[in-house]
Amino acid sequence: MKKNRMDKSLAKSFAAALNNVLKVEANSTSCLIVYQPKVPKELSKFRTNK
């Protein structure tokens, strides 16, 4: 039971961290990877200036 609760907490933290990465990537001019891939349309909901 305690492990299950810890797994859920870890999953929520990981999801929040990935959400923050998506927000940064949506608002930057280049990605963290070497090339600039085509941006998916779903990424636009993370932009601050629409």
PDB file of N, CA and C in Angstrom:
ATOM      1  N   MET A   1       0.826  -1.190   0.000  1.00  0.00           N
ATOM      2  CA  MET A   1       0.000   0.000   0.000  1.00  0.00           C
ATOM      3  C   MET A   1       0.870   1.254   0.000  1.00  0.00           C
ATOM      4  N   LYS A   2       1.915   1.259   0.809  1.00  0.00           N
ATOM      5  CA  LYS A   2       2.790   2.427   0.897  1.00  0.00           C
ATOM      6  C   LYS A   2       3.553   2.636  -0.416  1.00  0.00           C
ATOM      7  N   LYS A   3       3.960   1.530  -1.064  1.00  0.00           N
ATOM      8  CA  LYS A   3       4.674   1.621  -2.334  1.00  0.00           C
ATOM      9  C   LYS A   3       3.768   2.182  -3.425  1.00  0.00           C
ATOM     10  N   ASN A   4       2.496   1.772  -3.408  1.00  0.00           N
ATOM     11  CA  ASN A   4       1.547   2.266  -4.396  1.00  0.00           C
ATOM     12  C   ASN A   4       1.358   3.776  -4.259  1.00  0.00           C
ATOM     13  N   ARG A   5       1.268   4.248  -3.029  1.00  0.00           N
ATOM     14  CA  ARG A   5       1.125   5.685  -2.776  1.00  0.00           C
ATOM     15  C   ARG A   5       2.368   6.443  -3.237  1.00  0.00           C
ATOM     16  N   MET A   6       3.536   5.846  -2.995  1.00  0.00           N
ATOM     17  CA  MET A   6       4.790   6.471  -3.408  1.00  0.00           C
ATOM     18  C   MET A   6       4.894   6.496  -4.935  1.00  0.00           C
ATOM     19  N   ASP A   7       4.444   5.430  -5.598  1.00  0.00           N
ATOM     20  CA  ASP A   7       4.465   5.389  -7.055  1.00  0.00           C
ATOM     21  C   ASP A   7       3.574   6.475  -7.652  1.00  0.00           C
ATOM     22  N   LYS A   8       2.402   6.669  -7.068  1.00  0.00           N
ATOM     23  CA  LYS A   8       1.491   7.709  -7.558  1.00  0.00           C
ATOM     24  C   LYS A   8       2.089   9.095  -7.357  1.00  0.00           C
ATOM     25  N   SER A   9       2.726   9.294  -6.212  1.00  0.00           N
ATOM     26  CA  SER A   9       3.355  10.583  -5.930  1.00  0.00           C
ATOM     27  C   SER A   9       4.502  10.847  -6.910  1.00  0.00           C
ATOM     28  N   LEU A  10       5.286   9.822  -7.177  1.00  0.00           N
ATOM     29  CA  LEU A  10       6.389   9.943  -8.119  1.00  0.00           C
ATOM     30  C   LEU A  10       5.869  10.222  -9.526  1.00  0.00           C
ATOM     31  N   ALA A  11       4.792   9.566  -9.905  1.00  0.00           N
ATOM     32  CA  ALA A  11       4.205   9.776 -11.230  1.00  0.00           C
ATOM     33  C   ALA A  11       3.683  11.205 -11.372  1.00  0.00           C
ATOM     34  N   LYS A  12       3.058  11.731 -10.328  1.00  0.00           N
ATOM     35  CA  LYS A  12       2.553  13.110 -10.376  1.00  0.00           C
ATOM     36  C   LYS A  12       3.712  14.101 -10.495  1.00  0.00           C
ATOM     37  N   SER A  13       4.791  13.860  -9.764  1.00  0.00           N
ATOM     38  CA  SER A  13       5.951  14.742  -9.827  1.00  0.00           C
ATOM     39  C   SER A  13       6.601  14.700 -11.202  1.00  0.00           C
ATOM     40  N   PHE A  14       6.712  13.510 -11.751  1.00  0.00           N
ATOM     41  CA  PHE A  14       7.300  13.348 -13.077  1.00  0.00           C
ATOM     42  C   PHE A  14       6.438  14.030 -14.140  1.00  0.00           C
ATOM     43  N   ALA A  15       5.132  13.910 -14.035  1.00  0.00           N
ATOM     44  CA  ALA A  15       4.224  14.561 -14.978  1.00  0.00           C
ATOM     45  C   ALA A  15       4.333  16.083 -14.878  1.00  0.00           C
ATOM     46  N   ALA A  16       4.462  16.598 -13.671  1.00  0.00           N
ATOM     47  CA  ALA A  16       4.601  18.049 -13.490  1.00  0.00           C
ATOM     48  C   ALA A  16       5.918  18.541 -14.086  1.00  0.00           C
ATOM     49  N   ALA A  17       6.983  17.771 -13.890  1.00  0.00           N
ATOM     50  CA  ALA A  17       8.278  18.157 -14.453  1.00  0.00           C
ATOM     51  C   ALA A  17       8.231  18.151 -15.978  1.00  0.00           C
ATOM     52  N   LEU A  18       7.620  17.139 -16.563  1.00  0.00           N
ATOM     53  CA  LEU A  18       7.498  17.085 -18.027  1.00  0.00           C
ATOM     54  C   LEU A  18       6.616  18.209 -18.554  1.00  0.00           C
ATOM     55  N   ASN A  19       5.589  18.568 -17.812  1.00  0.00           N
ATOM     56  CA  ASN A  19       4.732  19.683 -18.208  1.00  0.00           C
ATOM     57  C   ASN A  19       5.531  20.980 -18.253  1.00  0.00           C
ATOM     58  N   ASN A  20       6.408  21.180 -17.275  1.00  0.00           N
ATOM     59  CA  ASN A  20       7.254  22.376 -17.265  1.00  0.00           C
ATOM     60  C   ASN A  20       8.230  22.376 -18.434  1.00  0.00           C
ATOM     61  N   VAL A  21       8.783  21.222 -18.770  1.00  0.00           N
ATOM     62  CA  VAL A  21       9.683  21.130 -19.926  1.00  0.00           C
ATOM     63  C   VAL A  21       8.932  21.484 -21.201  1.00  0.00           C
ATOM     64  N   LEU A  22       7.708  21.003 -21.343  1.00  0.00           N
ATOM     65  CA  LEU A  22       6.910  21.326 -22.524  1.00  0.00           C
ATOM     66  C   LEU A  22       6.635  22.822 -22.625  1.00  0.00           C
ATOM     67  N   LYS A  23       6.366  23.457 -21.493  1.00  0.00           N
ATOM     68  CA  LYS A  23       6.126  24.905 -21.504  1.00  0.00           C
ATOM     69  C   LYS A  23       7.371  25.660 -21.939  1.00  0.00           C
ATOM     70  N   VAL A  24       8.534  25.246 -21.462  1.00  0.00           N
ATOM     71  CA  VAL A  24       9.784  25.906 -21.844  1.00  0.00           C
ATOM     72  C   VAL A  24      10.063  25.694 -23.325  1.00  0.00           C
ATOM     73  N   GLU A  25       9.891  24.473 -23.805  1.00  0.00           N
ATOM     74  CA  GLU A  25      10.153  24.160 -25.208  1.00  0.00           C
ATOM     75  C   GLU A  25       9.180  24.886 -26.130  1.00  0.00           C
ATOM     76  N   ALA A  26       7.933  25.043 -25.720  1.00  0.00           N
ATOM     77  CA  ALA A  26       6.935  25.713 -26.549  1.00  0.00           C
ATOM     78  C   ALA A  26       7.244  27.199 -26.690  1.00  0.00           C
ATOM     79  N   ASN A  27       7.926  27.775 -25.711  1.00  0.00           N
ATOM     80  CA  ASN A  27       8.198  29.205 -25.728  1.00  0.00           C
ATOM     81  C   ASN A  27       9.638  29.546 -26.106  1.00  0.00           C
ATOM     82  N   SER A  28      10.412  28.560 -26.506  1.00  0.00           N
ATOM     83  CA  SER A  28      11.789  28.844 -26.906  1.00  0.00           C
ATOM     84  C   SER A  28      11.924  28.704 -28.421  1.00  0.00           C
ATOM     85  N   THR A  29      12.996  29.265 -28.949  1.00  0.00           N
ATOM     86  CA  THR A  29      13.198  29.225 -30.396  1.00  0.00           C
ATOM     87  C   THR A  29      13.922  27.979 -30.850  1.00  0.00           C
ATOM     88  N   SER A  30      14.582  27.297 -29.946  1.00  0.00           N
ATOM     89  CA  SER A  30      15.247  26.058 -30.322  1.00  0.00           C
ATOM     90  C   SER A  30      15.003  25.000 -29.261  1.00  0.00           C
ATOM     91  N   CYS A  31      15.196  23.771 -29.629  1.00  0.00           N
ATOM     92  CA  CYS A  31      14.959  22.652 -28.708  1.00  0.00           C
ATOM     93  C   CYS A  31      16.261  22.237 -28.040  1.00  0.00           C
ATOM     94  N   LEU A  32      16.142  21.397 -27.056  1.00  0.00           N
ATOM     95  CA  LEU A  32      17.313  20.898 -26.346  1.00  0.00           C
ATOM     96  C   LEU A  32      18.089  19.891 -27.179  1.00  0.00           C
ATOM     97  N   ILE A  33      17.460  19.350 -28.198  1.00  0.00           N
ATOM     98  CA  ILE A  33      18.138  18.380 -29.047  1.00  0.00           C
ATOM     99  C   ILE A  33      18.845  19.097 -30.192  1.00  0.00           C
ATOM    100  N   VAL A  34      19.634  18.394 -30.952  1.00  0.00           N
ATOM    101  CA  VAL A  34      20.531  19.000 -31.935  1.00  0.00           C
ATOM    102  C   VAL A  34      19.782  19.681 -33.081  1.00  0.00           C
ATOM    103  N   TYR A  35      18.722  19.093 -33.560  1.00  0.00           N
ATOM    104  CA  TYR A  35      18.008  19.667 -34.698  1.00  0.00           C
ATOM    105  C   TYR A  35      16.663  20.222 -34.256  1.00  0.00           C
ATOM    106  N   GLN A  36      16.058  21.041 -35.102  1.00  0.00           N
ATOM    107  CA  GLN A  36      14.762  21.643 -34.808  1.00  0.00           C
ATOM    108  C   GLN A  36      13.672  20.814 -35.482  1.00  0.00           C
ATOM    109  N   PRO A  37      12.988  19.951 -34.740  1.00  0.00           N
ATOM    110  CA  PRO A  37      11.941  19.139 -35.347  1.00  0.00           C
ATOM    111  C   PRO A  37      10.689  19.959 -35.620  1.00  0.00           C
ATOM    112  N   LYS A  38       9.791  19.413 -36.405  1.00  0.00           N
ATOM    113  CA  LYS A  38       8.521  20.071 -36.670  1.00  0.00           C
ATOM    114  C   LYS A  38       7.695  20.059 -35.393  1.00  0.00           C
ATOM    115  N   VAL A  39       7.120  21.195 -35.052  1.00  0.00           N
ATOM    116  CA  VAL A  39       6.382  21.337 -33.797  1.00  0.00           C
ATOM    117  C   VAL A  39       4.968  20.793 -33.978  1.00  0.00           C
ATOM    118  N   PRO A  40       4.538  19.880 -33.096  1.00  0.00           N
ATOM    119  CA  PRO A  40       3.162  19.386 -33.172  1.00  0.00           C
ATOM    120  C   PRO A  40       2.168  20.483 -32.782  1.00  0.00           C
ATOM    121  N   LYS A  41       0.973  20.445 -33.350  1.00  0.00           N
ATOM    122  CA  LYS A  41      -0.041  21.458 -33.055  1.00  0.00           C
ATOM    123  C   LYS A  41      -0.482  21.410 -31.595  1.00  0.00           C
ATOM    124  N   GLU A  42      -0.405  20.228 -30.970  1.00  0.00           N
ATOM    125  CA  GLU A  42      -0.821  20.094 -29.576  1.00  0.00           C
ATOM    126  C   GLU A  42       0.086  20.869 -28.628  1.00  0.00           C
ATOM    127  N   LEU A  43       1.296  21.180 -29.061  1.00  0.00           N
ATOM    128  CA  LEU A  43       2.250  21.910 -28.224  1.00  0.00           C
ATOM    129  C   LEU A  43       1.842  23.368 -28.061  1.00  0.00           C
ATOM    130  N   SER A  44       0.992  23.883 -28.943  1.00  0.00           N
ATOM    131  CA  SER A  44       0.608  25.294 -28.875  1.00  0.00           C
ATOM    132  C   SER A  44      -0.212  25.625 -27.622  1.00  0.00           C
ATOM    133  N   LYS A  45      -0.844  24.632 -27.000  1.00  0.00           N
ATOM    134  CA  LYS A  45      -1.608  24.927 -25.786  1.00  0.00           C
ATOM    135  C   LYS A  45      -0.707  25.237 -24.599  1.00  0.00           C
ATOM    136  N   PHE A  46       0.594  24.966 -24.702  1.00  0.00           N
ATOM    137  CA  PHE A  46       1.540  25.268 -23.636  1.00  0.00           C
ATOM    138  C   PHE A  46       2.194  26.639 -23.809  1.00  0.00           C
ATOM    139  N   ARG A  47       1.919  27.324 -24.903  1.00  0.00           N
ATOM    140  CA  ARG A  47       2.535  28.644 -25.149  1.00  0.00           C
ATOM    141  C   ARG A  47       1.962  29.700 -24.237  1.00  0.00           C
ATOM    142  N   THR A  48       2.764  30.682 -23.871  1.00  0.00           N
ATOM    143  CA  THR A  48       2.270  31.754 -23.029  1.00  0.00           C
ATOM    144  C   THR A  48       1.705  32.891 -23.881  1.00  0.00           C
ATOM    145  N   ASN A  49       2.268  33.126 -25.038  1.00  0.00           N
ATOM    146  CA  ASN A  49       1.766  34.161 -25.933  1.00  0.00           C
ATOM    147  C   ASN A  49       1.179  33.488 -27.167  1.00  0.00           C
ATOM    148  N   LYS A  50      -0.142  33.539 -27.269  1.00  0.00           N
ATOM    149  CA  LYS A  50      -0.811  32.807 -28.359  1.00  0.00           C
ATOM    150  C   LYS A  50      -1.108  33.697 -29.527  1.00  0.00           C
TER     151      LYS A  50
END
